[in-house]
C-alpha cells in the first residue's frame, strides 16, 4: 500500500494526498480534490498505515497520543489522527512539497501573476520591503514565497525559520532552522518563537518565517522593526483586509493588546500579497502596501492599513 501511495506522491501535479477513515483516497492536482483509483481495505488498514508513517516521521502515534504532525523522509509533510478524536477512524493528510521553485516569470506564464504584479513584486524585493504573503490553504503561498526569495541578490544571507521545512529556496546563501516537537517524555521542544529569536542573532540580510501562526509574530515584528528589513513571511487569511485582524489574534497569544499589535504591524510590514484559488488556478488577487504617515500614530480602530500611493493597489486582473 505504501508503494501505491508513493506513486501518487511522485505525480508532479499532486500537492495533497488525503486518506480517510473509510479507506478512500483523495488527491489534489491543483484543480480540486478528486477520488483516486485506490482504496485501503478497512479502517484498521488506515490506522496501521498512519502508525507506520508516523514512525517514519519519528513521531509517536497511539491511543495515548492520537495525533501526529511531522515530516517524512523526502520532505512530505504528514498529519495523522486516530480514534477517539477522529470519530470515524484514522485519517491521514500528506502535503507534498513542490519539488522545484518557480520563478515569478513562470508564475506569470501560468496565470498566477499579471505583468504589473510581477513588476511590483520585483520592486518590493529590490526596495527591501517587508512582505507578508497571505491566503487560504492550498492557494500557493509557499510557491510565491520561494519565487520572491529567488529575487534576493546572491550576496545576501537568507535565514529561513519553519515549523516543518517546506520552502524550496534557490539561493546561494541560505540558513534553514526548523522547529522541534517535544519528545515522548515531553522534553526537547524548540518553538518557532525561540527560532525567530535565534535567527535574529545569525546576521540575516533577509529573515523569512515560513508560516506565522502563533506568538512568534511579536518577535517577527521586533525583527522587522530593528533593522532586519526586507524579510518575508506567510500567514493564513481570507483577504488582504483580514490580515490585520489575523495578526491581532496571533498577537493576543503573546499577551499583547490589540492596539499595540496594530501599531507594531503597521511599522513592521510594508506590503501584503494575497493569493486566492479560483477555478483550479492559484493566483495573486491583490498587492497592497501599508504606510503610516510620518509622525502620525495609527489608530487602534484601524482594521487594515491604508494603501500606499505606489502602487495603490494591483488587482489580479479580469
Foldseek 3Di string as FASTA:
>chain_A
DVVVVVVVLPPLQWFKWKADQQFWIWTFSLQDIDTDPGGDDHQVRLVVVLCVQCVQQVHHDDPVRFWDWGAHPVGKTWIKGAPPVRPRHIMIMTGRANPAADAVVVCCVQLQAPPVRSVVLLVCLVVLFEEEEEEAPPLCSLNVVQNSLQSHDQVFAEEEEECGDGRHHDHDHYHYHHWDAAHPVRDDGDDSLNVLVVVLVVPGLEYEYAEDDACSVVSLLVSLLPPNTSYYYYYYDHDLLCVLVRQLVRNVRVVDHQLVSSQSCLNRHFKYFYWYADSSHIHTAKIFTAHDPPPDTDDSPDSHGQGDVVPRMDGSDD
